[in-house]
Amino acid sequence: MSQQNKDLVVKFIKAFSDGDAVTAETCLAPGAQTVAKGFGKLSGPRPRELILATTAAFKETIPTGLQPHFVTVTAEGERVVVEFEGNAMLANDTDYRNQYCMVFTLENGLIKLVNEYYCTLLADERILPLLADVEAQR
């Protein structure tokens, strides 16, 4: 079971990183949410619909994909903890590198909750303006 949970979480992170909302959706339970810990504007809870919308927007904001480099993937029961580093070029040709630790809680083989730990201030500075541009174009 632990390996299946690890595989699902890695699949989700890769889909999220590549802006693949269709694949990301297959990994999420109904009512899933993420909670970005920190003090930036991108901190706080995001319901399933917003997770998927943000994922889709990443196709435009991070055309290279986040390119996750996995450091550790640890599973125990219904919990998976992943440390990874992202290294991307943003749509405005700005370099974006951030470090992540995500704690996933699964239920019935799908992701129910993700607690995200990353530099939200860096994300606010580099990604938030691009997300705002995508939203304005819709």
N, C-alpha and C. Protein backbone atom coordinates (compact mmCIF):
# COMPACT_ATOMS: atom_id res chain seq x y z
N MET A 1 0.82 -1.20 0.00
CA MET A 1 0.00 0.00 0.00
C MET A 1 0.85 1.25 0.00
N SER A 2 1.94 1.25 0.77
CA SER A 2 2.80 2.43 0.84
C SER A 2 3.37 2.79 -0.52
N GLN A 3 3.80 1.79 -1.30
CA GLN A 3 4.36 2.08 -2.62
C GLN A 3 3.29 2.66 -3.54
N GLN A 4 2.07 2.13 -3.47
CA GLN A 4 0.98 2.68 -4.29
C GLN A 4 0.71 4.14 -3.93
N ASN A 5 0.74 4.45 -2.64
CA ASN A 5 0.52 5.82 -2.20
C ASN A 5 1.65 6.73 -2.69
N LYS A 6 2.89 6.25 -2.59
CA LYS A 6 4.02 7.03 -3.09
C LYS A 6 3.86 7.30 -4.59
N ASP A 7 3.51 6.25 -5.33
CA ASP A 7 3.37 6.40 -6.78
C ASP A 7 2.29 7.41 -7.14
N LEU A 8 1.17 7.38 -6.43
CA LEU A 8 0.08 8.32 -6.69
C LEU A 8 0.52 9.75 -6.41
N VAL A 9 1.21 9.97 -5.30
CA VAL A 9 1.66 11.31 -4.92
C VAL A 9 2.69 11.84 -5.93
N VAL A 10 3.63 11.01 -6.34
CA VAL A 10 4.62 11.43 -7.34
C VAL A 10 3.91 11.76 -8.66
N LYS A 11 2.94 10.94 -9.03
CA LYS A 11 2.15 11.20 -10.24
C LYS A 11 1.47 12.57 -10.15
N PHE A 12 0.89 12.88 -8.98
CA PHE A 12 0.22 14.16 -8.78
C PHE A 12 1.22 15.32 -8.89
N ILE A 13 2.35 15.20 -8.22
CA ILE A 13 3.35 16.28 -8.24
C ILE A 13 3.84 16.52 -9.67
N LYS A 14 4.09 15.47 -10.41
CA LYS A 14 4.54 15.63 -11.79
C LYS A 14 3.45 16.28 -12.64
N ALA A 15 2.20 15.87 -12.46
CA ALA A 15 1.09 16.46 -13.21
C ALA A 15 0.93 17.94 -12.85
N PHE A 16 0.96 18.25 -11.57
CA PHE A 16 0.85 19.63 -11.10
C PHE A 16 2.00 20.46 -11.69
N SER A 17 3.18 19.92 -11.63
CA SER A 17 4.37 20.62 -12.11
C SER A 17 4.32 20.89 -13.61
N ASP A 18 3.66 20.00 -14.36
CA ASP A 18 3.57 20.14 -15.81
C ASP A 18 2.30 20.86 -16.27
N GLY A 19 1.47 21.29 -15.32
CA GLY A 19 0.22 21.95 -15.70
C GLY A 19 -0.81 21.01 -16.27
N ASP A 20 -0.74 19.74 -15.90
CA ASP A 20 -1.65 18.70 -16.41
C ASP A 20 -2.80 18.50 -15.42
N ALA A 21 -3.82 19.33 -15.55
CA ALA A 21 -4.95 19.28 -14.62
C ALA A 21 -5.77 18.00 -14.78
N VAL A 22 -5.80 17.45 -15.98
CA VAL A 22 -6.57 16.22 -16.22
C VAL A 22 -6.01 15.07 -15.39
N THR A 23 -4.69 14.90 -15.44
CA THR A 23 -4.05 13.83 -14.66
C THR A 23 -4.12 14.15 -13.17
N ALA A 24 -3.88 15.40 -12.79
CA ALA A 24 -3.94 15.78 -11.38
C ALA A 24 -5.31 15.45 -10.79
N GLU A 25 -6.35 15.69 -11.56
CA GLU A 25 -7.71 15.43 -11.07
C GLU A 25 -7.93 13.97 -10.71
N THR A 26 -7.29 13.06 -11.45
CA THR A 26 -7.47 11.62 -11.18
C THR A 26 -6.84 11.21 -9.85
N CYS A 27 -5.99 12.07 -9.29
CA CYS A 27 -5.30 11.76 -8.04
C CYS A 27 -6.03 12.30 -6.81
N LEU A 28 -7.00 13.19 -7.03
CA LEU A 28 -7.64 13.90 -5.92
C LEU A 28 -8.98 13.30 -5.53
N ALA A 29 -9.19 13.19 -4.24
CA ALA A 29 -10.48 12.76 -3.71
C ALA A 29 -11.48 13.91 -3.82
N PRO A 30 -12.77 13.60 -3.86
CA PRO A 30 -13.76 14.67 -3.78
C PRO A 30 -13.54 15.44 -2.46
N GLY A 31 -13.63 16.73 -2.53
CA GLY A 31 -13.43 17.54 -1.32
C GLY A 31 -11.97 17.73 -0.93
N ALA A 32 -11.04 17.32 -1.80
CA ALA A 32 -9.61 17.48 -1.49
C ALA A 32 -9.28 18.95 -1.33
N GLN A 33 -8.26 19.21 -0.53
CA GLN A 33 -7.77 20.58 -0.40
C GLN A 33 -6.28 20.58 -0.12
N THR A 34 -5.64 21.69 -0.47
CA THR A 34 -4.25 21.91 -0.10
C THR A 34 -4.24 23.12 0.84
N VAL A 35 -3.25 23.12 1.72
CA VAL A 35 -3.05 24.26 2.62
C VAL A 35 -1.59 24.66 2.51
N ALA A 36 -1.35 25.81 1.90
CA ALA A 36 0.01 26.33 1.78
C ALA A 36 0.33 27.06 3.08
N LYS A 37 1.30 26.53 3.80
CA LYS A 37 1.71 27.13 5.06
C LYS A 37 2.63 28.31 4.77
N GLY A 38 2.56 29.32 5.57
CA GLY A 38 3.45 30.46 5.36
C GLY A 38 2.70 31.77 5.52
N PHE A 39 3.33 32.83 5.04
CA PHE A 39 2.81 34.16 5.28
C PHE A 39 2.59 34.97 4.01
N GLY A 40 2.78 34.37 2.86
CA GLY A 40 2.60 35.08 1.60
C GLY A 40 1.14 35.11 1.17
N LYS A 41 0.89 35.82 0.09
CA LYS A 41 -0.47 35.92 -0.45
C LYS A 41 -0.97 34.59 -0.99
N LEU A 42 -0.05 33.71 -1.40
CA LEU A 42 -0.44 32.39 -1.88
C LEU A 42 -0.61 31.37 -0.75
N SER A 43 -0.42 31.83 0.49
CA SER A 43 -0.62 30.94 1.65
C SER A 43 -2.11 30.74 1.88
N GLY A 44 -2.42 29.64 2.57
CA GLY A 44 -3.80 29.38 2.94
C GLY A 44 -4.37 28.18 2.22
N PRO A 45 -5.64 27.90 2.51
CA PRO A 45 -6.29 26.72 1.92
C PRO A 45 -6.75 26.96 0.48
N ARG A 46 -6.72 25.87 -0.31
CA ARG A 46 -7.24 25.89 -1.67
C ARG A 46 -8.11 24.66 -1.85
N PRO A 47 -9.37 24.86 -2.20
CA PRO A 47 -10.23 23.70 -2.46
C PRO A 47 -9.87 23.03 -3.78
N ARG A 48 -10.40 21.86 -3.97
CA ARG A 48 -10.11 21.02 -5.14
C ARG A 48 -10.20 21.80 -6.46
N GLU A 49 -11.26 22.58 -6.63
CA GLU A 49 -11.47 23.32 -7.87
C GLU A 49 -10.33 24.32 -8.12
N LEU A 50 -9.86 24.97 -7.07
CA LEU A 50 -8.77 25.93 -7.21
C LEU A 50 -7.43 25.22 -7.45
N ILE A 51 -7.25 24.06 -6.85
CA ILE A 51 -6.05 23.25 -7.12
C ILE A 51 -5.96 22.97 -8.61
N LEU A 52 -7.07 22.54 -9.19
CA LEU A 52 -7.09 22.18 -10.60
C LEU A 52 -6.95 23.40 -11.50
N ALA A 53 -7.57 24.51 -11.13
CA ALA A 53 -7.44 25.75 -11.92
C ALA A 53 -6.00 26.26 -11.90
N THR A 54 -5.38 26.20 -10.73
CA THR A 54 -3.98 26.64 -10.62
C THR A 54 -3.07 25.72 -11.44
N THR A 55 -3.35 24.43 -11.36
CA THR A 55 -2.57 23.46 -12.15
C THR A 55 -2.68 23.79 -13.63
N ALA A 56 -3.88 24.02 -14.12
CA ALA A 56 -4.07 24.35 -15.54
C ALA A 56 -3.35 25.64 -15.91
N ALA A 57 -3.36 26.62 -15.01
CA ALA A 57 -2.70 27.91 -15.28
C ALA A 57 -1.18 27.76 -15.36
N PHE A 58 -0.64 26.72 -14.73
CA PHE A 58 0.80 26.52 -14.76
C PHE A 58 1.31 26.23 -16.17
N LYS A 59 0.45 25.72 -17.06
CA LYS A 59 0.88 25.50 -18.45
C LYS A 59 1.34 26.81 -19.08
N GLU A 60 0.67 27.91 -18.71
CA GLU A 60 1.01 29.22 -19.27
C GLU A 60 2.06 29.95 -18.44
N THR A 61 2.02 29.80 -17.12
CA THR A 61 2.92 30.55 -16.26
C THR A 61 4.29 29.90 -16.13
N ILE A 62 4.33 28.57 -16.20
CA ILE A 62 5.60 27.84 -16.10
C ILE A 62 5.68 26.87 -17.29
N PRO A 63 5.92 27.41 -18.48
CA PRO A 63 5.89 26.55 -19.67
C PRO A 63 6.93 25.43 -19.67
N THR A 64 8.03 25.59 -18.94
CA THR A 64 9.04 24.53 -18.86
C THR A 64 8.63 23.44 -17.88
N GLY A 65 7.58 23.70 -17.10
CA GLY A 65 7.23 22.82 -16.00
C GLY A 65 8.14 23.12 -14.82
N LEU A 66 7.71 22.73 -13.65
CA LEU A 66 8.48 22.99 -12.43
C LEU A 66 9.74 22.12 -12.36
N GLN A 67 9.77 21.03 -13.10
CA GLN A 67 10.90 20.11 -13.16
C GLN A 67 11.33 19.64 -11.78
N PRO A 68 10.44 18.95 -11.07
CA PRO A 68 10.77 18.54 -9.70
C PRO A 68 11.94 17.56 -9.64
N HIS A 69 12.84 17.82 -8.73
CA HIS A 69 13.92 16.89 -8.40
C HIS A 69 13.58 16.35 -7.01
N PHE A 70 13.21 15.07 -6.95
CA PHE A 70 12.78 14.48 -5.70
C PHE A 70 13.99 14.15 -4.82
N VAL A 71 13.92 14.62 -3.58
CA VAL A 71 14.98 14.37 -2.60
C VAL A 71 14.62 13.15 -1.78
N THR A 72 13.42 13.16 -1.18
CA THR A 72 12.92 11.99 -0.44
C THR A 72 11.42 11.84 -0.66
N VAL A 73 10.98 10.60 -0.64
CA VAL A 73 9.55 10.25 -0.66
C VAL A 73 9.38 9.18 0.41
N THR A 74 8.65 9.52 1.46
CA THR A 74 8.50 8.62 2.60
C THR A 74 7.01 8.37 2.83
N ALA A 75 6.64 7.11 3.02
CA ALA A 75 5.24 6.78 3.24
C ALA A 75 5.08 5.92 4.49
N GLU A 76 4.02 6.21 5.20
CA GLU A 76 3.61 5.40 6.34
C GLU A 76 2.09 5.43 6.39
N GLY A 77 1.49 4.29 6.15
CA GLY A 77 0.03 4.22 6.14
C GLY A 77 -0.54 5.13 5.07
N GLU A 78 -1.46 5.98 5.46
CA GLU A 78 -2.15 6.88 4.54
C GLU A 78 -1.45 8.23 4.41
N ARG A 79 -0.23 8.34 4.88
CA ARG A 79 0.50 9.60 4.83
C ARG A 79 1.77 9.43 4.00
N VAL A 80 2.01 10.41 3.11
CA VAL A 80 3.21 10.43 2.29
C VAL A 80 3.84 11.81 2.43
N VAL A 81 5.13 11.85 2.71
CA VAL A 81 5.87 13.10 2.83
C VAL A 81 6.90 13.15 1.72
N VAL A 82 6.92 14.27 1.00
CA VAL A 82 7.81 14.42 -0.15
C VAL A 82 8.61 15.70 -0.01
N GLU A 83 9.93 15.57 -0.16
CA GLU A 83 10.81 16.73 -0.26
C GLU A 83 11.29 16.79 -1.70
N PHE A 84 11.16 17.97 -2.32
CA PHE A 84 11.67 18.12 -3.67
C PHE A 84 12.06 19.57 -3.94
N GLU A 85 12.83 19.73 -4.99
CA GLU A 85 13.25 21.05 -5.42
C GLU A 85 12.72 21.28 -6.82
N GLY A 86 12.24 22.48 -7.06
CA GLY A 86 11.77 22.86 -8.38
C GLY A 86 12.77 23.79 -9.03
N ASN A 87 12.93 23.66 -10.33
CA ASN A 87 13.86 24.49 -11.07
C ASN A 87 13.21 24.79 -12.42
N ALA A 88 12.67 25.99 -12.54
CA ALA A 88 11.89 26.31 -13.73
C ALA A 88 12.25 27.67 -14.30
N MET A 89 11.87 27.86 -15.54
CA MET A 89 11.93 29.16 -16.19
C MET A 89 10.48 29.59 -16.39
N LEU A 90 10.13 30.74 -15.86
CA LEU A 90 8.76 31.23 -15.94
C LEU A 90 8.48 31.83 -17.32
N ALA A 91 7.22 32.07 -17.59
CA ALA A 91 6.79 32.61 -18.89
C ALA A 91 7.42 33.97 -19.19
N ASN A 92 7.78 34.71 -18.16
CA ASN A 92 8.42 36.02 -18.37
C ASN A 92 9.95 35.92 -18.37
N ASP A 93 10.47 34.72 -18.59
CA ASP A 93 11.92 34.44 -18.64
C ASP A 93 12.63 34.70 -17.31
N THR A 94 11.91 34.57 -16.23
CA THR A 94 12.49 34.69 -14.89
C THR A 94 12.76 33.29 -14.35
N ASP A 95 13.93 33.13 -13.76
CA ASP A 95 14.30 31.86 -13.13
C ASP A 95 13.48 31.69 -11.85
N TYR A 96 12.99 30.48 -11.62
CA TYR A 96 12.22 30.20 -10.41
C TYR A 96 12.71 28.89 -9.80
N ARG A 97 13.30 29.00 -8.63
CA ARG A 97 13.78 27.83 -7.89
C ARG A 97 13.21 27.91 -6.49
N ASN A 98 12.58 26.84 -6.07
CA ASN A 98 12.02 26.81 -4.73
C ASN A 98 12.21 25.41 -4.18
N GLN A 99 12.17 25.29 -2.87
CA GLN A 99 12.28 24.00 -2.20
C GLN A 99 10.94 23.71 -1.52
N TYR A 100 10.54 22.46 -1.57
CA TYR A 100 9.22 22.07 -1.09
C TYR A 100 9.30 20.87 -0.14
N CYS A 101 8.41 20.88 0.82
CA CYS A 101 8.10 19.70 1.60
C CYS A 101 6.58 19.63 1.65
N MET A 102 6.02 18.55 1.19
CA MET A 102 4.57 18.39 1.14
C MET A 102 4.18 17.14 1.91
N VAL A 103 3.18 17.29 2.74
CA VAL A 103 2.66 16.20 3.54
C VAL A 103 1.27 15.86 3.01
N PHE A 104 1.15 14.68 2.42
CA PHE A 104 -0.10 14.23 1.80
C PHE A 104 -0.83 13.27 2.73
N THR A 105 -2.13 13.46 2.86
CA THR A 105 -2.99 12.50 3.55
C THR A 105 -3.93 11.91 2.51
N LEU A 106 -3.93 10.59 2.41
CA LEU A 106 -4.76 9.92 1.42
C LEU A 106 -5.97 9.27 2.10
N GLU A 107 -7.00 9.10 1.32
CA GLU A 107 -8.21 8.42 1.79
C GLU A 107 -8.76 7.61 0.62
N ASN A 108 -8.93 6.32 0.84
CA ASN A 108 -9.42 5.42 -0.21
C ASN A 108 -8.57 5.51 -1.49
N GLY A 109 -7.25 5.64 -1.31
CA GLY A 109 -6.35 5.64 -2.44
C GLY A 109 -6.25 6.94 -3.21
N LEU A 110 -6.84 8.02 -2.69
CA LEU A 110 -6.77 9.32 -3.35
C LEU A 110 -6.31 10.39 -2.36
N ILE A 111 -5.78 11.48 -2.88
CA ILE A 111 -5.28 12.57 -2.04
C ILE A 111 -6.44 13.38 -1.47
N LYS A 112 -6.49 13.45 -0.17
CA LYS A 112 -7.55 14.19 0.53
C LYS A 112 -7.05 15.55 1.02
N LEU A 113 -5.80 15.60 1.50
CA LEU A 113 -5.25 16.82 2.07
C LEU A 113 -3.76 16.90 1.76
N VAL A 114 -3.30 18.11 1.43
CA VAL A 114 -1.87 18.35 1.24
C VAL A 114 -1.49 19.58 2.06
N ASN A 115 -0.57 19.41 2.98
CA ASN A 115 0.03 20.54 3.68
C ASN A 115 1.34 20.85 2.95
N GLU A 116 1.43 22.06 2.40
CA GLU A 116 2.56 22.46 1.58
C GLU A 116 3.45 23.42 2.35
N TYR A 117 4.73 23.15 2.32
CA TYR A 117 5.72 24.02 2.95
C TYR A 117 6.73 24.42 1.87
N TYR A 118 6.77 25.70 1.55
CA TYR A 118 7.70 26.25 0.56
C TYR A 118 7.80 27.74 0.81
N CYS A 119 8.69 28.41 0.12
CA CYS A 119 8.83 29.85 0.32
C CYS A 119 7.69 30.55 -0.41
N THR A 120 6.64 30.86 0.33
CA THR A 120 5.48 31.52 -0.26
C THR A 120 5.80 32.95 -0.67
N LEU A 121 6.75 33.57 -0.01
CA LEU A 121 7.12 34.94 -0.38
C LEU A 121 7.78 34.97 -1.77
N LEU A 122 8.63 33.99 -2.05
CA LEU A 122 9.23 33.89 -3.39
C LEU A 122 8.14 33.61 -4.43
N ALA A 123 7.22 32.73 -4.11
CA ALA A 123 6.12 32.42 -5.04
C ALA A 123 5.27 33.67 -5.28
N ASP A 124 5.00 34.44 -4.24
CA ASP A 124 4.24 35.69 -4.40
C ASP A 124 4.96 36.63 -5.36
N GLU A 125 6.27 36.73 -5.20
CA GLU A 125 7.06 37.66 -6.01
C GLU A 125 7.13 37.24 -7.46
N ARG A 126 7.31 35.94 -7.71
CA ARG A 126 7.58 35.48 -9.07
C ARG A 126 6.36 34.91 -9.79
N ILE A 127 5.52 34.16 -9.07
CA ILE A 127 4.42 33.45 -9.74
C ILE A 127 3.09 34.19 -9.67
N LEU A 128 2.81 34.83 -8.57
CA LEU A 128 1.51 35.50 -8.40
C LEU A 128 1.20 36.48 -9.52
N PRO A 129 2.14 37.33 -9.95
CA PRO A 129 1.82 38.25 -11.05
C PRO A 129 1.46 37.52 -12.34
N LEU A 130 2.11 36.40 -12.59
CA LEU A 130 1.80 35.63 -13.80
C LEU A 130 0.43 34.98 -13.72
N LEU A 131 0.08 34.48 -12.54
CA LEU A 131 -1.27 33.91 -12.36
C LEU A 131 -2.33 34.98 -12.54
N ALA A 132 -2.07 36.18 -12.06
CA ALA A 132 -3.01 37.29 -12.22
C ALA A 132 -3.18 37.63 -13.70
N ASP A 133 -2.10 37.58 -14.48
CA ASP A 133 -2.18 37.84 -15.92
C ASP A 133 -3.03 36.78 -16.62
N VAL A 134 -2.86 35.53 -16.24
CA VAL A 134 -3.65 34.44 -16.84
C VAL A 134 -5.13 34.64 -16.53
N GLU A 135 -5.42 34.97 -15.27
CA GLU A 135 -6.81 35.19 -14.86
C GLU A 135 -7.43 36.37 -15.60
N ALA A 136 -6.67 37.44 -15.80
CA ALA A 136 -7.17 38.64 -16.48
C ALA A 136 -7.49 38.36 -17.95
N GLN A 137 -6.78 37.40 -18.54
CA GLN A 137 -7.00 37.06 -19.94
C GLN A 137 -8.23 36.18 -20.16
N ARG A 138 -8.76 35.64 -19.07
CA ARG A 138 -9.94 34.73 -19.21
C ARG A 138 -11.22 35.49 -19.25
